[in-house]
């Protein structure tokens, strides 16, 4: 660590937290309260909230919460999407260290200080923590369990890491301003996966990303299969644009849901075209159902038997919606290759 970095570490840098929210009145109070309670010096913590033209009371709630708070401001995000909100906040923030924050999240009170320390200690270009996913409904809790398992999300290291390690991306990454100056802000052509795409650009430029799983935020997940379907369909849909921009950064696990959906479609076509066509369809569905039930059984044994019948549809929703989203994205963005 050079003299300038040492000085900055001792003096503590200004940290900017950037939120891009829309219709978050049910979650934003808990999110902002967790930021208010950070043990990081309040005069060195800046919070900029970009509201994407919410149609509920999100803006009013935020204004009421921050009206007596220094270094907090609410700005308008006319383009609505998260990436444009983050970019607007980036243009006006003053932090030496910058992080995006989800409106669905709550943070432990040492979250900022621990990740600032991790950034300097590891000399990484970006750092982040792990995520504890929760819900207040039984279906939502099953969704949380599915999203926290390797069968549900593949081997995404930032979700599954137990020790500090290098990863391909992190949730709500902390990095120095110089990183944004070097590789730019967030891609406003993406509705989802904007932070993934930013991480891929960073790694493509030679940057290192570290996950410190001891720093754990809490994410309030979707509580219905329908909302989970919409979420993962969009993830798959816009992952195509990430593939087109950064093909070398993609991982094999990210193609598995697409291959599964394509195999299902091909099996259905064979069933309609040939007398023996039902054999591959039944085999594929049978193998997937067996694997799904086996994993659900193991997780229910650990988490509670009440989740056993709720986990299989959660896994199927994640896998099929993501795969279909990816397939639709290939057709939608075919002219971008």
Protein backbone atom coordinates (compact mmCIF):
# COMPACT_ATOMS: atom_id res chain seq x y z
CA UNK A 1 0.00 0.00 0.00
CA UNK A 2 1.53 3.33 -1.00
CA UNK A 3 1.76 6.44 1.17
CA UNK A 4 -1.31 8.06 -0.37
CA UNK A 5 -3.44 4.92 0.18
CA UNK A 6 -2.17 4.63 3.75
CA UNK A 7 -3.14 8.24 4.42
CA UNK A 8 -6.58 7.77 2.89
CA UNK A 9 -7.13 4.63 4.98
CA UNK A 10 -6.20 6.37 8.24
CA UNK A 11 -8.31 9.43 7.49
CA UNK A 12 -11.22 7.31 6.21
CA UNK A 13 -12.48 8.12 2.73
CA UNK A 14 -15.83 9.63 1.80
CA UNK A 15 -18.17 6.81 0.74
CA UNK A 16 -21.11 7.34 -1.62
CA UNK A 17 -24.01 4.88 -1.58
CA UNK A 18 -26.17 5.06 -4.71
CA UNK A 19 -29.76 3.79 -4.71
CA UNK A 20 -31.96 3.53 -7.79
CA UNK A 21 -35.50 2.71 -6.67
CA UNK A 22 -39.05 2.57 -7.98
CA UNK A 23 -42.23 1.73 -6.07
CA UNK A 24 -40.33 0.63 -2.96
CA UNK A 25 -42.54 2.13 -0.25
CA UNK A 26 -42.85 -1.29 1.42
CA UNK A 27 -39.09 -1.78 1.72
CA UNK A 28 -37.36 1.61 1.61
CA UNK A 29 -37.91 2.45 5.29
CA UNK A 30 -36.02 -0.62 6.49
CA UNK A 31 -33.33 -0.05 3.87
CA UNK A 32 -32.68 3.59 4.81
CA UNK A 33 -32.90 2.91 8.54
CA UNK A 34 -30.12 0.34 8.16
CA UNK A 35 -28.01 2.99 6.40
CA UNK A 36 -28.76 5.56 9.13
CA UNK A 37 -27.40 3.09 11.69
CA UNK A 38 -24.03 2.51 10.01
CA UNK A 39 -21.05 2.86 12.33
CA UNK A 40 -19.11 4.64 9.58
CA UNK A 41 -18.64 8.39 10.36
CA UNK A 42 -21.86 10.04 9.22
CA UNK A 43 -20.09 13.11 7.82
CA UNK A 44 -18.13 10.81 5.49
CA UNK A 45 -21.18 8.88 4.25
CA UNK A 46 -23.10 10.30 1.29
CA UNK A 47 -26.36 8.73 0.10
CA UNK A 48 -27.99 9.62 -3.23
CA UNK A 49 -31.38 8.08 -4.06
CA UNK A 50 -32.64 8.18 -7.65
CA UNK A 51 -36.40 7.62 -7.78
CA UNK A 52 -37.62 6.22 -11.10
CA UNK A 53 -40.93 8.07 -11.20
CA UNK A 54 -42.58 5.87 -8.55
CA UNK A 55 -46.37 5.60 -8.72
CA UNK A 56 -46.71 4.79 -5.02
CA UNK A 57 -45.55 6.85 -1.99
CA UNK A 58 -41.85 6.00 -2.32
CA UNK A 59 -40.79 9.60 -2.95
CA UNK A 60 -42.85 10.98 -0.06
CA UNK A 61 -41.53 8.34 2.32
CA UNK A 62 -37.93 9.04 1.33
CA UNK A 63 -38.35 12.81 1.68
CA UNK A 64 -39.78 12.38 5.16
CA UNK A 65 -36.97 10.06 6.24
CA UNK A 66 -34.07 12.18 4.99
CA UNK A 67 -35.37 15.71 5.58
CA UNK A 68 -33.05 16.25 8.55
CA UNK A 69 -30.17 14.16 7.23
CA UNK A 70 -27.04 15.81 5.91
CA UNK A 71 -25.37 14.27 2.86
CA UNK A 72 -28.60 12.58 1.77
CA UNK A 73 -30.48 13.64 -1.35
CA UNK A 74 -33.34 12.42 -3.51
CA UNK A 75 -33.10 12.98 -7.26
CA UNK A 76 -35.43 12.29 -10.18
CA UNK A 77 -34.69 9.42 -12.56
CA UNK A 78 -36.80 10.17 -15.66
CA UNK A 79 -35.59 7.08 -17.55
CA UNK A 80 -36.91 4.92 -14.66
CA UNK A 81 -34.47 1.98 -15.02
CA UNK A 82 -31.81 1.28 -12.38
CA UNK A 83 -28.77 1.80 -14.59
CA UNK A 84 -29.84 5.34 -15.52
CA UNK A 85 -30.52 6.12 -11.86
CA UNK A 86 -27.09 4.88 -10.81
CA UNK A 87 -25.44 6.89 -13.60
CA UNK A 88 -27.27 10.06 -12.60
CA UNK A 89 -26.09 9.55 -9.03
CA UNK A 90 -22.55 8.80 -10.22
CA UNK A 91 -22.43 12.15 -12.01
CA UNK A 92 -23.04 14.11 -8.82
CA UNK A 93 -21.60 11.99 -6.01
CA UNK A 94 -18.47 13.03 -4.14
CA UNK A 95 -17.21 9.76 -2.70
CA UNK A 96 -13.72 8.38 -3.11
CA UNK A 97 -15.38 4.97 -2.71
CA UNK A 98 -18.71 4.23 -4.38
CA UNK A 99 -21.25 1.43 -4.05
CA UNK A 100 -24.71 0.74 -5.43
CA UNK A 101 -27.38 -0.38 -2.95
CA UNK A 102 -30.65 -2.22 -3.61
CA UNK A 103 -33.88 -0.83 -2.21
CA UNK A 104 -34.81 -4.41 -1.16
CA UNK A 105 -31.82 -4.68 1.17
CA UNK A 106 -31.00 -4.07 4.82
CA UNK A 107 -27.41 -3.72 6.02
CA UNK A 108 -25.67 -4.65 9.28
CA UNK A 109 -24.33 -1.56 11.06
CA UNK A 110 -20.69 -2.37 10.22
CA UNK A 111 -21.39 -3.06 6.53
CA UNK A 112 -19.76 0.06 5.09
CA UNK A 113 -16.75 0.08 7.42
CA UNK A 114 -16.04 -3.64 6.85
CA UNK A 115 -16.17 -3.40 3.07
CA UNK A 116 -14.04 -0.25 3.02
CA UNK A 117 -11.50 -2.15 5.11
CA UNK A 118 -11.75 -5.16 2.76
CA UNK A 119 -11.18 -2.94 -0.28
CA UNK A 120 -7.96 -1.49 1.13
CA UNK A 121 -6.71 -4.68 2.76
CA UNK A 122 -7.09 -6.86 -0.35
CA UNK A 123 -6.13 -4.14 -2.85
CA UNK A 124 -8.89 -5.50 -5.06
CA UNK A 125 -10.64 -3.31 -7.62
CA UNK A 126 -14.09 -4.23 -6.28
CA UNK A 127 -15.30 -5.98 -3.14
CA UNK A 128 -18.65 -7.12 -1.83
CA UNK A 129 -20.24 -9.37 0.76
CA UNK A 130 -22.62 -12.30 0.79
CA UNK A 131 -26.41 -12.12 0.81
CA UNK A 132 -28.91 -13.56 3.28
CA UNK A 133 -32.23 -13.89 1.41
CA UNK A 134 -35.40 -13.71 3.51
CA UNK A 135 -39.17 -13.46 3.06
CA UNK A 136 -42.22 -13.13 5.31
CA UNK A 137 -44.36 -15.69 3.45
CA UNK A 138 -43.97 -19.46 3.32
CA UNK A 139 -43.70 -19.48 -0.49
CA UNK A 140 -41.22 -16.61 -0.28
CA UNK A 141 -39.15 -18.54 2.25
CA UNK A 142 -39.03 -21.52 -0.09
CA UNK A 143 -37.91 -19.18 -2.87
CA UNK A 144 -35.14 -17.89 -0.58
CA UNK A 145 -33.92 -21.44 0.05
CA UNK A 146 -33.96 -22.20 -3.69
CA UNK A 147 -32.07 -19.01 -4.54
CA UNK A 148 -29.47 -19.81 -1.91
CA UNK A 149 -28.69 -23.28 -3.27
CA UNK A 150 -26.25 -24.41 -5.95
CA UNK A 151 -29.04 -26.31 -7.75
CA UNK A 152 -31.06 -23.10 -7.93
CA UNK A 153 -28.42 -20.59 -9.03
CA UNK A 154 -25.44 -22.70 -10.14
CA UNK A 155 -22.01 -22.17 -8.64
CA UNK A 156 -22.26 -18.37 -8.33
CA UNK A 157 -19.40 -17.91 -5.88
CA UNK A 158 -20.60 -14.63 -4.35
CA UNK A 159 -23.79 -16.41 -3.26
CA UNK A 160 -22.12 -19.59 -2.01
CA UNK A 161 -18.68 -18.46 -0.77
CA UNK A 162 -17.75 -19.46 2.78
CA UNK A 163 -14.29 -17.88 2.85
CA UNK A 164 -12.91 -14.70 1.30
CA UNK A 165 -12.13 -15.40 -2.35
CA UNK A 166 -11.92 -13.93 -5.83
CA UNK A 167 -15.18 -14.07 -7.80
CA UNK A 168 -16.51 -13.03 -11.21
CA UNK A 169 -18.99 -10.57 -9.67
CA UNK A 170 -20.38 -9.45 -6.31
CA UNK A 171 -23.67 -8.06 -5.07
CA UNK A 172 -23.56 -4.26 -4.52
CA UNK A 173 -19.83 -3.92 -5.17
CA UNK A 174 -17.64 -1.32 -3.46
CA UNK A 175 -14.92 0.21 -5.63
CA UNK A 176 -12.86 3.37 -5.88
CA UNK A 177 -13.97 6.26 -8.06
CA UNK A 178 -10.98 5.61 -10.31
CA UNK A 179 -12.62 2.34 -11.45
CA UNK A 180 -15.63 4.21 -12.84
CA UNK A 181 -13.33 6.79 -14.41
CA UNK A 182 -11.46 3.97 -16.14
CA UNK A 183 -14.29 1.76 -17.43
CA UNK A 184 -17.36 4.02 -17.32
CA UNK A 185 -20.74 3.70 -15.62
CA UNK A 186 -23.65 1.30 -16.06
CA UNK A 187 -25.07 0.16 -19.41
CA UNK A 188 -28.44 1.85 -19.87
CA UNK A 189 -29.43 -0.60 -22.60
CA UNK A 190 -29.93 -3.24 -19.91
CA UNK A 191 -32.96 -3.51 -17.64
CA UNK A 192 -31.35 -6.35 -15.65
CA UNK A 193 -27.79 -7.65 -15.20
CA UNK A 194 -26.35 -4.12 -15.28
CA UNK A 195 -24.09 -4.82 -12.30
CA UNK A 196 -22.96 -8.13 -13.83
CA UNK A 197 -22.08 -6.38 -17.08
CA UNK A 198 -20.12 -3.74 -15.13
CA UNK A 199 -18.20 -6.52 -13.35
CA UNK A 200 -17.40 -8.20 -16.66
CA UNK A 201 -15.98 -4.96 -18.03
CA UNK A 202 -13.90 -4.57 -14.89
CA UNK A 203 -12.47 -8.08 -15.17
CA UNK A 204 -11.89 -7.63 -18.91
CA UNK A 205 -9.80 -4.57 -18.02
CA UNK A 206 -7.68 -6.71 -15.68
CA UNK A 207 -9.51 -5.89 -12.44
CA UNK A 208 -9.92 -8.21 -9.46
CA UNK A 209 -13.18 -8.76 -7.56
CA UNK A 210 -13.20 -10.15 -4.02
CA UNK A 211 -16.14 -11.48 -1.99
CA UNK A 212 -15.89 -11.26 1.80
CA UNK A 213 -18.70 -13.57 2.98
CA UNK A 214 -18.32 -12.41 6.58
CA UNK A 215 -20.02 -9.15 5.50
CA UNK A 216 -23.64 -10.15 4.99
CA UNK A 217 -26.54 -8.00 3.80
CA UNK A 218 -30.17 -9.14 3.98
CA UNK A 219 -32.28 -9.19 0.81
CA UNK A 220 -36.08 -9.37 0.88
CA UNK A 221 -36.97 -11.77 -1.93
CA UNK A 222 -40.01 -12.12 -4.16
CA UNK A 223 -42.88 -13.77 -2.31
CA UNK A 224 -44.78 -15.40 -5.20
CA UNK A 225 -43.88 -17.76 -8.03
CA UNK A 226 -45.29 -15.22 -10.51
CA UNK A 227 -42.96 -12.44 -9.38
CA UNK A 228 -40.04 -14.89 -9.29
CA UNK A 229 -40.88 -15.87 -12.89
CA UNK A 230 -40.82 -12.23 -14.04
CA UNK A 231 -37.54 -11.60 -12.24
CA UNK A 232 -35.67 -14.57 -13.72
CA UNK A 233 -37.20 -14.20 -17.17
CA UNK A 234 -35.71 -10.71 -17.31
CA UNK A 235 -32.37 -11.98 -15.98
CA UNK A 236 -32.21 -14.51 -18.82
CA UNK A 237 -33.52 -12.06 -21.44
CA UNK A 238 -30.86 -9.41 -20.76
CA UNK A 239 -28.08 -11.94 -20.16
CA UNK A 240 -28.06 -12.24 -23.97
CA UNK A 241 -26.86 -8.65 -24.24
CA UNK A 242 -24.13 -9.37 -21.70
CA UNK A 243 -23.11 -12.40 -23.80
CA UNK A 244 -22.96 -10.27 -26.93
CA UNK A 245 -20.81 -7.63 -25.26
CA UNK A 246 -18.56 -9.92 -23.19
CA UNK A 247 -18.60 -13.49 -24.56
CA UNK A 248 -15.33 -14.46 -22.86
CA UNK A 249 -16.71 -13.58 -19.43
CA UNK A 250 -19.68 -15.97 -19.56
CA UNK A 251 -19.62 -19.15 -17.48
CA UNK A 252 -20.97 -22.61 -18.51
CA UNK A 253 -23.57 -22.55 -15.69
CA UNK A 254 -25.24 -19.54 -17.31
CA UNK A 255 -26.17 -21.61 -20.39
CA UNK A 256 -27.64 -24.61 -18.54
CA UNK A 257 -31.24 -23.27 -18.23
CA UNK A 258 -31.26 -22.37 -21.93
CA UNK A 259 -30.08 -25.86 -22.90
CA UNK A 260 -32.72 -27.40 -20.63
CA UNK A 261 -35.51 -25.36 -22.24
CA UNK A 262 -34.24 -26.14 -25.76
CA UNK A 263 -34.17 -29.84 -24.88
CA UNK A 264 -37.77 -29.63 -23.64
CA UNK A 265 -38.90 -27.91 -26.83
CA UNK A 266 -37.07 -30.41 -29.03
CA UNK A 267 -38.59 -33.30 -27.07
CA UNK A 268 -42.07 -31.86 -27.55
CA UNK A 269 -41.46 -31.54 -31.30
CA UNK A 270 -40.25 -35.15 -31.46
CA UNK A 271 -43.34 -36.27 -29.56
CA UNK A 272 -45.57 -34.65 -32.15
CA UNK A 273 -43.55 -35.91 -35.13
CA UNK A 274 -42.65 -39.52 -34.27
CA UNK A 275 -44.36 -42.40 -32.46
CA UNK A 276 -41.28 -42.87 -30.29
CA UNK A 277 -40.95 -39.14 -29.60
CA UNK A 278 -42.42 -39.43 -26.11
CA UNK A 279 -39.35 -41.39 -24.93
CA UNK A 280 -36.86 -38.46 -24.82
CA UNK A 281 -39.55 -36.17 -23.37
CA UNK A 282 -40.45 -38.54 -20.55
CA UNK A 283 -36.76 -39.27 -19.92
CA UNK A 284 -35.83 -35.59 -19.71
CA UNK A 285 -38.79 -34.63 -17.53
CA UNK A 286 -38.28 -37.69 -15.36
CA UNK A 287 -34.56 -36.99 -14.79
CA UNK A 288 -35.21 -33.33 -14.00
CA UNK A 289 -38.08 -34.19 -11.67
CA UNK A 290 -35.94 -36.76 -9.86
CA UNK A 291 -33.07 -34.28 -9.41
CA UNK A 292 -35.45 -31.51 -8.35
CA UNK A 293 -37.21 -33.71 -5.78
CA UNK A 294 -33.90 -35.12 -4.48
CA UNK A 295 -32.46 -31.66 -3.87
CA UNK A 296 -35.76 -30.45 -2.40
CA UNK A 297 -35.75 -33.44 -0.05
CA UNK A 298 -32.23 -32.69 1.18
CA UNK A 299 -32.98 -29.00 1.67
CA UNK A 300 -36.31 -29.69 3.39
CA UNK A 301 -34.58 -32.08 5.79
CA UNK A 302 -32.26 -29.22 6.77
CA UNK A 303 -34.63 -26.25 6.58
CA UNK A 304 -37.97 -27.81 7.52
CA UNK A 305 -40.33 -30.35 5.96
CA UNK A 306 -42.99 -27.68 5.39
CA UNK A 307 -40.90 -26.51 2.42
CA UNK A 308 -40.69 -29.85 0.63
CA UNK A 309 -43.67 -29.32 -1.71
CA UNK A 310 -42.87 -25.62 -2.17
CA UNK A 311 -39.27 -26.05 -3.31
CA UNK A 312 -39.79 -28.03 -6.59
CA UNK A 313 -41.96 -25.31 -8.22
CA UNK A 314 -39.49 -22.65 -7.02
CA UNK A 315 -36.58 -24.46 -8.72
CA UNK A 316 -38.62 -25.10 -11.86
CA UNK A 317 -39.68 -21.46 -12.02
CA UNK A 318 -36.09 -20.23 -11.76
CA UNK A 319 -34.74 -22.66 -14.37
CA UNK A 320 -37.52 -22.49 -16.97
CA UNK A 321 -38.15 -18.72 -16.78
CA UNK A 322 -34.43 -17.95 -17.05
CA UNK A 323 -34.02 -20.37 -19.96
CA UNK A 324 -37.07 -19.01 -21.80
CA UNK A 325 -35.93 -15.45 -21.15
CA UNK A 326 -32.54 -16.29 -22.64
CA UNK A 327 -34.21 -17.88 -25.68
CA UNK A 328 -36.47 -14.88 -26.25
CA UNK A 329 -33.46 -12.61 -25.84
CA UNK A 330 -31.60 -14.48 -28.59
CA UNK A 331 -34.48 -13.74 -30.98
CA UNK A 332 -34.96 -10.16 -29.77
CA UNK A 333 -31.30 -9.17 -30.03
CA UNK A 334 -30.29 -11.32 -33.02
CA UNK A 335 -29.29 -8.20 -34.98
CA UNK A 336 -26.81 -7.12 -32.28
CA UNK A 337 -24.27 -9.87 -32.99
